[in-house]
Amino acid sequence: KEGWWKLWTPQIVLGANDPGSHSDHGGGNITFDNA
């Protein structure tokens, strides 16, 4: 969180967009492979 330690310290966030997917024809198992 911003300012947690010192007033000048920034806020930090880890993010993920669209990390997993179904098959391109719909349904099936969720995959994290880039295929």
PDB file of all heavy atoms in Angstrom:
ATOM      1  N   LYS A   1       0.824  -1.200   0.000  1.00  0.00           N
ATOM      2  CA  LYS A   1       0.000   0.000   0.000  1.00  0.00           C
ATOM      3  C   LYS A   1       0.858   1.250   0.000  1.00  0.00           C
ATOM      4  O   LYS A   1       1.907   1.299   0.656  1.00  0.00           O
ATOM      5  CB  LYS A   1      -0.918  -0.003   1.225  1.00  0.00           C
ATOM      6  CG  LYS A   1      -1.966   1.098   1.223  1.00  0.00           C
ATOM      7  CD  LYS A   1      -2.887   0.955   2.420  1.00  0.00           C
ATOM      8  CE  LYS A   1      -3.967   2.023   2.412  1.00  0.00           C
ATOM      9  NZ  LYS A   1      -4.878   1.883   3.578  1.00  0.00           N
ATOM     10  N   GLU A   2       0.417   2.248  -0.721  1.00  0.00           N
ATOM     11  CA  GLU A   2       1.166   3.495  -0.806  1.00  0.00           C
ATOM     12  C   GLU A   2       1.371   4.109   0.575  1.00  0.00           C
ATOM     13  O   GLU A   2       0.424   4.275   1.343  1.00  0.00           O
ATOM     14  CB  GLU A   2       0.427   4.491  -1.715  1.00  0.00           C
ATOM     15  CG  GLU A   2       1.173   5.780  -1.952  1.00  0.00           C
ATOM     16  CD  GLU A   2       0.488   6.679  -2.959  1.00  0.00           C
ATOM     17  OE1 GLU A   2      -0.546   6.264  -3.529  1.00  0.00           O
ATOM     18  OE2 GLU A   2       0.995   7.801  -3.190  1.00  0.00           O
ATOM     19  N   GLY A   3       2.634   4.448   0.891  1.00  0.00           N
ATOM     20  CA  GLY A   3       2.947   5.082   2.155  1.00  0.00           C
ATOM     21  C   GLY A   3       3.004   4.171   3.360  1.00  0.00           C
ATOM     22  O   GLY A   3       3.087   4.644   4.499  1.00  0.00           O
ATOM     23  N   TRP A   4       2.989   2.861   3.170  1.00  0.00           N
ATOM     24  CA  TRP A   4       3.019   1.935   4.300  1.00  0.00           C
ATOM     25  C   TRP A   4       4.282   2.106   5.140  1.00  0.00           C
ATOM     26  O   TRP A   4       4.231   2.127   6.352  1.00  0.00           O
ATOM     27  CB  TRP A   4       2.940   0.496   3.786  1.00  0.00           C
ATOM     28  CG  TRP A   4       1.588  -0.099   3.979  1.00  0.00           C
ATOM     29  CD1 TRP A   4       0.507   0.477   4.566  1.00  0.00           C
ATOM     30  CD2 TRP A   4       1.160  -1.412   3.581  1.00  0.00           C
ATOM     31  NE1 TRP A   4      -0.572  -0.367   4.554  1.00  0.00           N
ATOM     32  CE2 TRP A   4      -0.187  -1.538   3.955  1.00  0.00           C
ATOM     33  CE3 TRP A   4       1.800  -2.464   2.933  1.00  0.00           C
ATOM     34  CZ2 TRP A   4      -0.918  -2.693   3.722  1.00  0.00           C
ATOM     35  CZ3 TRP A   4       1.072  -3.617   2.695  1.00  0.00           C
ATOM     36  CH2 TRP A   4      -0.272  -3.737   3.083  1.00  0.00           C
ATOM     37  N   TRP A   5       5.423   2.197   4.492  1.00  0.00           N
ATOM     38  CA  TRP A   5       6.697   2.291   5.211  1.00  0.00           C
ATOM     39  C   TRP A   5       7.116   3.749   5.389  1.00  0.00           C
ATOM     40  O   TRP A   5       7.251   4.243   6.481  1.00  0.00           O
ATOM     41  CB  TRP A   5       7.773   1.492   4.462  1.00  0.00           C
ATOM     42  CG  TRP A   5       9.121   1.525   5.110  1.00  0.00           C
ATOM     43  CD1 TRP A   5       9.404   1.320   6.428  1.00  0.00           C
ATOM     44  CD2 TRP A   5      10.360   1.823   4.475  1.00  0.00           C
ATOM     45  NE1 TRP A   5      10.746   1.457   6.656  1.00  0.00           N
ATOM     46  CE2 TRP A   5      11.371   1.755   5.464  1.00  0.00           C
ATOM     47  CE3 TRP A   5      10.723   2.098   3.154  1.00  0.00           C
ATOM     48  CZ2 TRP A   5      12.708   1.984   5.188  1.00  0.00           C
ATOM     49  CZ3 TRP A   5      12.065   2.314   2.873  1.00  0.00           C
ATOM     50  CH2 TRP A   5      13.036   2.265   3.882  1.00  0.00           C
ATOM     51  N   LYS A   6       7.282   4.441   4.286  1.00  0.00           N
ATOM     52  CA  LYS A   6       7.586   5.863   4.271  1.00  0.00           C
ATOM     53  C   LYS A   6       6.556   6.558   3.387  1.00  0.00           C
ATOM     54  O   LYS A   6       5.914   5.938   2.544  1.00  0.00           O
ATOM     55  CB  LYS A   6       8.993   6.121   3.725  1.00  0.00           C
ATOM     56  CG  LYS A   6      10.114   5.450   4.501  1.00  0.00           C
ATOM     57  CD  LYS A   6      10.375   6.149   5.833  1.00  0.00           C
ATOM     58  CE  LYS A   6      11.601   5.550   6.525  1.00  0.00           C
ATOM     59  NZ  LYS A   6      11.892   6.221   7.818  1.00  0.00           N
ATOM     60  N   LEU A   7       6.406   7.865   3.584  1.00  0.00           N
ATOM     61  CA  LEU A   7       5.431   8.601   2.789  1.00  0.00           C
ATOM     62  C   LEU A   7       5.737   8.539   1.300  1.00  0.00           C
ATOM     63  O   LEU A   7       4.829   8.631   0.469  1.00  0.00           O
ATOM     64  CB  LEU A   7       5.381  10.064   3.253  1.00  0.00           C
ATOM     65  CG  LEU A   7       4.764  10.323   4.629  1.00  0.00           C
ATOM     66  CD1 LEU A   7       4.840  11.800   4.969  1.00  0.00           C
ATOM     67  CD2 LEU A   7       3.325   9.827   4.676  1.00  0.00           C
ATOM     68  N   TRP A   8       7.006   8.371   0.939  1.00  0.00           N
ATOM     69  CA  TRP A   8       7.389   8.386  -0.471  1.00  0.00           C
ATOM     70  C   TRP A   8       7.256   7.026  -1.147  1.00  0.00           C
ATOM     71  O   TRP A   8       7.402   6.926  -2.363  1.00  0.00           O
ATOM     72  CB  TRP A   8       8.818   8.898  -0.630  1.00  0.00           C
ATOM     73  CG  TRP A   8       9.831   8.139   0.171  1.00  0.00           C
ATOM     74  CD1 TRP A   8      10.300   8.471   1.406  1.00  0.00           C
ATOM     75  CD2 TRP A   8      10.488   6.927  -0.188  1.00  0.00           C
ATOM     76  NE1 TRP A   8      11.213   7.548   1.849  1.00  0.00           N
ATOM     77  CE2 TRP A   8      11.353   6.593   0.884  1.00  0.00           C
ATOM     78  CE3 TRP A   8      10.448   6.095  -1.314  1.00  0.00           C
ATOM     79  CZ2 TRP A   8      12.150   5.446   0.858  1.00  0.00           C
ATOM     80  CZ3 TRP A   8      11.248   4.956  -1.328  1.00  0.00           C
ATOM     81  CH2 TRP A   8      12.092   4.644  -0.250  1.00  0.00           C
ATOM     82  N   THR A   9       6.980   5.968  -0.376  1.00  0.00           N
ATOM     83  CA  THR A   9       6.915   4.640  -0.993  1.00  0.00           C
ATOM     84  C   THR A   9       5.657   4.491  -1.838  1.00  0.00           C
ATOM     85  O   THR A   9       4.567   4.875  -1.420  1.00  0.00           O
ATOM     86  CB  THR A   9       6.960   3.542   0.071  1.00  0.00           C
ATOM     87  OG1 THR A   9       5.917   3.754   1.023  1.00  0.00           O
ATOM     88  CG2 THR A   9       8.300   3.533   0.790  1.00  0.00           C
ATOM     89  N   PRO A  10       5.771   3.928  -3.038  1.00  0.00           N
ATOM     90  CA  PRO A  10       4.613   3.801  -3.934  1.00  0.00           C
ATOM     91  C   PRO A  10       3.763   2.589  -3.589  1.00  0.00           C
ATOM     92  O   PRO A  10       4.150   1.725  -2.800  1.00  0.00           O
ATOM     93  CB  PRO A  10       5.266   3.622  -5.307  1.00  0.00           C
ATOM     94  CG  PRO A  10       6.543   2.895  -4.984  1.00  0.00           C
ATOM     95  CD  PRO A  10       7.013   3.454  -3.678  1.00  0.00           C
ATOM     96  N   GLN A  11       2.609   2.552  -4.185  1.00  0.00           N
ATOM     97  CA  GLN A  11       1.763   1.365  -4.118  1.00  0.00           C
ATOM     98  C   GLN A  11       2.202   0.378  -5.197  1.00  0.00           C
ATOM     99  O   GLN A  11       2.616   0.782  -6.282  1.00  0.00           O
ATOM    100  CB  GLN A  11       0.299   1.743  -4.312  1.00  0.00           C
ATOM    101  CG  GLN A  11      -0.677   0.586  -4.143  1.00  0.00           C
ATOM    102  CD  GLN A  11      -2.024   1.059  -3.657  1.00  0.00           C
ATOM    103  OE1 GLN A  11      -2.186   1.461  -2.523  1.00  0.00           O
ATOM    104  NE2 GLN A  11      -3.021   1.021  -4.537  1.00  0.00           N
ATOM    105  N   ILE A  12       2.103  -0.918  -4.891  1.00  0.00           N
ATOM    106  CA  ILE A  12       2.546  -1.947  -5.826  1.00  0.00           C
ATOM    107  C   ILE A  12       1.434  -2.971  -6.010  1.00  0.00           C
ATOM    108  O   ILE A  12       0.821  -3.430  -5.025  1.00  0.00           O
ATOM    109  CB  ILE A  12       3.831  -2.642  -5.321  1.00  0.00           C
ATOM    110  CG1 ILE A  12       4.969  -1.633  -5.212  1.00  0.00           C
ATOM    111  CG2 ILE A  12       4.229  -3.787  -6.252  1.00  0.00           C
ATOM    112  CD1 ILE A  12       6.226  -2.186  -4.601  1.00  0.00           C
ATOM    113  N   VAL A  13       1.170  -3.326  -7.243  1.00  0.00           N
ATOM    114  CA  VAL A  13       0.112  -4.291  -7.582  1.00  0.00           C
ATOM    115  C   VAL A  13       0.664  -5.332  -8.542  1.00  0.00           C
ATOM    116  O   VAL A  13       1.412  -5.008  -9.470  1.00  0.00           O
ATOM    117  CB  VAL A  13      -1.096  -3.566  -8.215  1.00  0.00           C
ATOM    118  CG1 VAL A  13      -1.971  -4.526  -9.002  1.00  0.00           C
ATOM    119  CG2 VAL A  13      -1.933  -2.891  -7.137  1.00  0.00           C
ATOM    120  N   LEU A  14       0.281  -6.576  -8.313  1.00  0.00           N
ATOM    121  CA  LEU A  14       0.545  -7.675  -9.239  1.00  0.00           C
ATOM    122  C   LEU A  14      -0.745  -7.967  -9.993  1.00  0.00           C
ATOM    123  O   LEU A  14      -1.820  -8.045  -9.389  1.00  0.00           O
ATOM    124  CB  LEU A  14       0.997  -8.917  -8.475  1.00  0.00           C
ATOM    125  CG  LEU A  14       2.291  -8.797  -7.666  1.00  0.00           C
ATOM    126  CD1 LEU A  14       2.469 -10.036  -6.799  1.00  0.00           C
ATOM    127  CD2 LEU A  14       3.477  -8.617  -8.583  1.00  0.00           C
ATOM    128  N   GLY A  15      -0.649  -8.127 -11.316  1.00  0.00           N
ATOM    129  CA  GLY A  15      -1.850  -8.331 -12.103  1.00  0.00           C
ATOM    130  C   GLY A  15      -1.706  -9.402 -13.161  1.00  0.00           C
ATOM    131  O   GLY A  15      -0.600  -9.703 -13.623  1.00  0.00           O
ATOM    132  N   ALA A  16      -2.840  -9.977 -13.542  1.00  0.00           N
ATOM    133  CA  ALA A  16      -2.895 -10.969 -14.615  1.00  0.00           C
ATOM    134  C   ALA A  16      -4.143 -10.713 -15.442  1.00  0.00           C
ATOM    135  O   ALA A  16      -5.242 -10.596 -14.898  1.00  0.00           O
ATOM    136  CB  ALA A  16      -2.918 -12.384 -14.053  1.00  0.00           C
ATOM    137  N   ASN A  17      -3.962 -10.602 -16.755  1.00  0.00           N
ATOM    138  CA  ASN A  17      -5.086 -10.463 -17.680  1.00  0.00           C
ATOM    139  C   ASN A  17      -5.212 -11.719 -18.520  1.00  0.00           C
ATOM    140  O   ASN A  17      -4.226 -12.177 -19.114  1.00  0.00           O
ATOM    141  CB  ASN A  17      -4.883  -9.268 -18.611  1.00  0.00           C
ATOM    142  CG  ASN A  17      -4.836  -7.951 -17.865  1.00  0.00           C
ATOM    143  OD1 ASN A  17      -3.852  -7.241 -17.930  1.00  0.00           O
ATOM    144  ND2 ASN A  17      -5.884  -7.621 -17.137  1.00  0.00           N
ATOM    145  N   ASP A  18      -6.391 -12.285 -18.554  1.00  0.00           N
ATOM    146  CA  ASP A  18      -6.681 -13.439 -19.403  1.00  0.00           C
ATOM    147  C   ASP A  18      -5.653 -14.564 -19.224  1.00  0.00           C
ATOM    148  O   ASP A  18      -5.096 -15.072 -20.205  1.00  0.00           O
ATOM    149  CB  ASP A  18      -6.701 -12.983 -20.870  1.00  0.00           C
ATOM    150  CG  ASP A  18      -7.394 -13.985 -21.786  1.00  0.00           C
ATOM    151  OD1 ASP A  18      -8.108 -14.862 -21.273  1.00  0.00           O
ATOM    152  OD2 ASP A  18      -7.201 -13.876 -23.010  1.00  0.00           O
ATOM    153  N   PRO A  19      -5.390 -15.004 -17.978  1.00  0.00           N
ATOM    154  CA  PRO A  19      -4.325 -16.000 -17.777  1.00  0.00           C
ATOM    155  C   PRO A  19      -4.696 -17.409 -18.202  1.00  0.00           C
ATOM    156  O   PRO A  19      -3.812 -18.228 -18.483  1.00  0.00           O
ATOM    157  CB  PRO A  19      -4.087 -15.944 -16.263  1.00  0.00           C
ATOM    158  CG  PRO A  19      -5.400 -15.515 -15.703  1.00  0.00           C
ATOM    159  CD  PRO A  19      -5.983 -14.562 -16.705  1.00  0.00           C
ATOM    160  N   GLY A  20      -5.981 -17.731 -18.252  1.00  0.00           N
ATOM    161  CA  GLY A  20      -6.405 -19.078 -18.621  1.00  0.00           C
ATOM    162  C   GLY A  20      -7.534 -19.037 -19.616  1.00  0.00           C
ATOM    163  O   GLY A  20      -8.191 -18.021 -19.810  1.00  0.00           O
ATOM    164  N   SER A  21      -7.784 -20.150 -20.313  1.00  0.00           N
ATOM    165  CA  SER A  21      -8.755 -20.136 -21.405  1.00  0.00           C
ATOM    166  C   SER A  21      -9.374 -21.510 -21.606  1.00  0.00           C
ATOM    167  O   SER A  21      -8.765 -22.537 -21.302  1.00  0.00           O
ATOM    168  CB  SER A  21      -8.068 -19.713 -22.703  1.00  0.00           C
ATOM    169  OG  SER A  21      -8.960 -19.807 -23.786  1.00  0.00           O
ATOM    170  N   HIS A  22     -10.597 -21.495 -22.145  1.00  0.00           N
ATOM    171  CA  HIS A  22     -11.193 -22.725 -22.675  1.00  0.00           C
ATOM    172  C   HIS A  22     -10.664 -22.945 -24.088  1.00  0.00           C
ATOM    173  O   HIS A  22      -9.975 -22.109 -24.658  1.00  0.00           O
ATOM    174  CB  HIS A  22     -12.725 -22.610 -22.710  1.00  0.00           C
ATOM    175  CG  HIS A  22     -13.355 -22.629 -21.358  1.00  0.00           C
ATOM    176  ND1 HIS A  22     -13.468 -23.765 -20.603  1.00  0.00           N
ATOM    177  CD2 HIS A  22     -13.913 -21.647 -20.616  1.00  0.00           C
ATOM    178  CE1 HIS A  22     -14.073 -23.488 -19.465  1.00  0.00           C
ATOM    179  NE2 HIS A  22     -14.359 -22.203 -19.447  1.00  0.00           N
ATOM    180  N   SER A  23     -11.010 -24.064 -24.668  1.00  0.00           N
ATOM    181  CA  SER A  23     -10.608 -24.326 -26.048  1.00  0.00           C
ATOM    182  C   SER A  23     -11.292 -23.332 -26.978  1.00  0.00           C
ATOM    183  O   SER A  23     -12.294 -22.718 -26.638  1.00  0.00           O
ATOM    184  CB  SER A  23     -10.996 -25.751 -26.447  1.00  0.00           C
ATOM    185  OG  SER A  23     -12.401 -25.874 -26.522  1.00  0.00           O
ATOM    186  N   ASP A  24     -10.737 -23.163 -28.161  1.00  0.00           N
ATOM    187  CA  ASP A  24     -11.269 -22.152 -29.074  1.00  0.00           C
ATOM    188  C   ASP A  24     -12.648 -22.487 -29.609  1.00  0.00           C
ATOM    189  O   ASP A  24     -13.315 -21.633 -30.183  1.00  0.00           O
ATOM    190  CB  ASP A  24     -10.291 -21.906 -30.234  1.00  0.00           C
ATOM    191  CG  ASP A  24     -10.010 -23.161 -31.027  1.00  0.00           C
ATOM    192  OD1 ASP A  24     -10.525 -24.225 -30.646  1.00  0.00           O
ATOM    193  OD2 ASP A  24      -9.289 -23.079 -32.025  1.00  0.00           O
ATOM    194  N   HIS A  25     -13.112 -23.735 -29.436  1.00  0.00           N
ATOM    195  CA  HIS A  25     -14.446 -24.088 -29.893  1.00  0.00           C
ATOM    196  C   HIS A  25     -15.444 -24.096 -28.743  1.00  0.00           C
ATOM    197  O   HIS A  25     -16.581 -24.515 -28.912  1.00  0.00           O
ATOM    198  CB  HIS A  25     -14.433 -25.470 -30.557  1.00  0.00           C
ATOM    199  CG  HIS A  25     -13.562 -25.519 -31.776  1.00  0.00           C
ATOM    200  ND1 HIS A  25     -13.857 -24.818 -32.917  1.00  0.00           N
ATOM    201  CD2 HIS A  25     -12.401 -26.160 -32.024  1.00  0.00           C
ATOM    202  CE1 HIS A  25     -12.920 -25.035 -33.831  1.00  0.00           C
ATOM    203  NE2 HIS A  25     -12.026 -25.837 -33.306  1.00  0.00           N
ATOM    204  N   GLY A  26     -15.017 -23.610 -27.566  1.00  0.00           N
ATOM    205  CA  GLY A  26     -15.916 -23.558 -26.425  1.00  0.00           C
ATOM    206  C   GLY A  26     -15.904 -24.853 -25.641  1.00  0.00           C
ATOM    207  O   GLY A  26     -15.622 -25.927 -26.154  1.00  0.00           O
ATOM    208  N   GLY A  27     -16.187 -24.710 -24.337  1.00  0.00           N
ATOM    209  CA  GLY A  27     -16.218 -25.898 -23.492  1.00  0.00           C
ATOM    210  C   GLY A  27     -14.840 -26.455 -23.236  1.00  0.00           C
ATOM    211  O   GLY A  27     -13.828 -25.809 -23.476  1.00  0.00           O
ATOM    212  N   GLY A  28     -14.762 -27.665 -22.752  1.00  0.00           N
ATOM    213  CA  GLY A  28     -13.468 -28.288 -22.488  1.00  0.00           C
ATOM    214  C   GLY A  28     -12.852 -27.778 -21.211  1.00  0.00           C
ATOM    215  O   GLY A  28     -13.439 -27.005 -20.458  1.00  0.00           O
ATOM    216  N   ASN A  29     -11.651 -28.232 -20.936  1.00  0.00           N
ATOM    217  CA  ASN A  29     -10.955 -27.846 -19.719  1.00  0.00           C
ATOM    218  C   ASN A  29     -10.278 -26.493 -19.887  1.00  0.00           C
ATOM    219  O   ASN A  29      -9.886 -26.103 -20.979  1.00  0.00           O
ATOM    220  CB  ASN A  29      -9.908 -28.898 -19.354  1.00  0.00           C
ATOM    221  CG  ASN A  29     -10.542 -30.237 -19.032  1.00  0.00           C
ATOM    222  OD1 ASN A  29     -11.609 -30.285 -18.422  1.00  0.00           O
ATOM    223  ND2 ASN A  29      -9.889 -31.314 -19.430  1.00  0.00           N
ATOM    224  N   ILE A  30     -10.114 -25.792 -18.768  1.00  0.00           N
ATOM    225  CA  ILE A  30      -9.356 -24.552 -18.785  1.00  0.00           C
ATOM    226  C   ILE A  30      -7.887 -24.887 -18.970  1.00  0.00           C
ATOM    227  O   ILE A  30      -7.357 -25.804 -18.356  1.00  0.00           O
ATOM    228  CB  ILE A  30      -9.575 -23.768 -17.485  1.00  0.00           C
ATOM    229  CG1 ILE A  30     -11.021 -23.262 -17.417  1.00  0.00           C
ATOM    230  CG2 ILE A  30      -8.606 -22.600 -17.384  1.00  0.00           C
ATOM    231  CD1 ILE A  30     -11.342 -22.501 -16.170  1.00  0.00           C
ATOM    232  N   THR A  31      -7.218 -24.149 -19.852  1.00  0.00           N
ATOM    233  CA  THR A  31      -5.800 -24.396 -20.117  1.00  0.00           C
ATOM    234  C   THR A  31      -5.010 -23.125 -19.931  1.00  0.00           C
ATOM    235  O   THR A  31      -5.503 -22.025 -20.191  1.00  0.00           O
ATOM    236  CB  THR A  31      -5.589 -24.921 -21.551  1.00  0.00           C
ATOM    237  OG1 THR A  31      -4.200 -25.049 -21.790  1.00  0.00           O
ATOM    238  CG2 THR A  31      -6.195 -23.987 -22.583  1.00  0.00           C
ATOM    239  N   PHE A  32      -3.776 -23.258 -19.463  1.00  0.00           N
ATOM    240  CA  PHE A  32      -2.878 -22.131 -19.339  1.00  0.00           C
ATOM    241  C   PHE A  32      -1.756 -22.205 -20.361  1.00  0.00           C
ATOM    242  O   PHE A  32      -0.820 -21.420 -20.338  1.00  0.00           O
ATOM    243  CB  PHE A  32      -2.288 -22.083 -17.919  1.00  0.00           C
ATOM    244  CG  PHE A  32      -3.336 -21.848 -16.868  1.00  0.00           C
ATOM    245  CD1 PHE A  32      -3.925 -22.916 -16.209  1.00  0.00           C
ATOM    246  CD2 PHE A  32      -3.748 -20.573 -16.556  1.00  0.00           C
ATOM    247  CE1 PHE A  32      -4.896 -22.702 -15.251  1.00  0.00           C
ATOM    248  CE2 PHE A  32      -4.721 -20.351 -15.596  1.00  0.00           C
ATOM    249  CZ  PHE A  32      -5.301 -21.415 -14.939  1.00  0.00           C
ATOM    250  N   ASP A  33      -1.859 -23.181 -21.264  1.00  0.00           N
ATOM    251  CA  ASP A  33      -0.842 -23.340 -22.301  1.00  0.00           C
ATOM    252  C   ASP A  33      -1.113 -22.381 -23.441  1.00  0.00           C
ATOM    253  O   ASP A  33      -2.258 -22.106 -23.802  1.00  0.00           O
ATOM    254  CB  ASP A  33      -0.850 -24.777 -22.838  1.00  0.00           C
ATOM    255  CG  ASP A  33      -0.463 -25.786 -21.766  1.00  0.00           C
ATOM    256  OD1 ASP A  33       0.349 -25.415 -20.900  1.00  0.00           O
ATOM    257  OD2 ASP A  33      -0.991 -26.912 -21.789  1.00  0.00           O
ATOM    258  N   ASN A  34      -0.047 -21.900 -24.046  1.00  0.00           N
ATOM    259  CA  ASN A  34      -0.171 -20.956 -25.143  1.00  0.00           C
ATOM    260  C   ASN A  34      -0.184 -21.720 -26.472  1.00  0.00           C
ATOM    261  O   ASN A  34       0.751 -21.700 -27.242  1.00  0.00           O
ATOM    262  CB  ASN A  34       1.010 -19.982 -25.107  1.00  0.00           C
ATOM    263  CG  ASN A  34       0.693 -18.724 -25.883  1.00  0.00           C
ATOM    264  OD1 ASN A  34      -0.457 -18.496 -26.242  1.00  0.00           O
ATOM    265  ND2 ASN A  34       1.696 -17.931 -26.137  1.00  0.00           N
ATOM    266  N   ALA A  35      -1.280 -22.434 -26.708  1.00  0.00           N
ATOM    267  CA  ALA A  35      -1.400 -23.269 -27.896  1.00  0.00           C
ATOM    268  C   ALA A  35      -2.533 -22.781 -28.773  1.00  0.00           C
ATOM    269  O   ALA A  35      -3.371 -21.995 -28.352  1.00  0.00           O
ATOM    270  CB  ALA A  35      -1.635 -24.731 -27.477  1.00  0.00           C
TER     271      ALA A  35
END
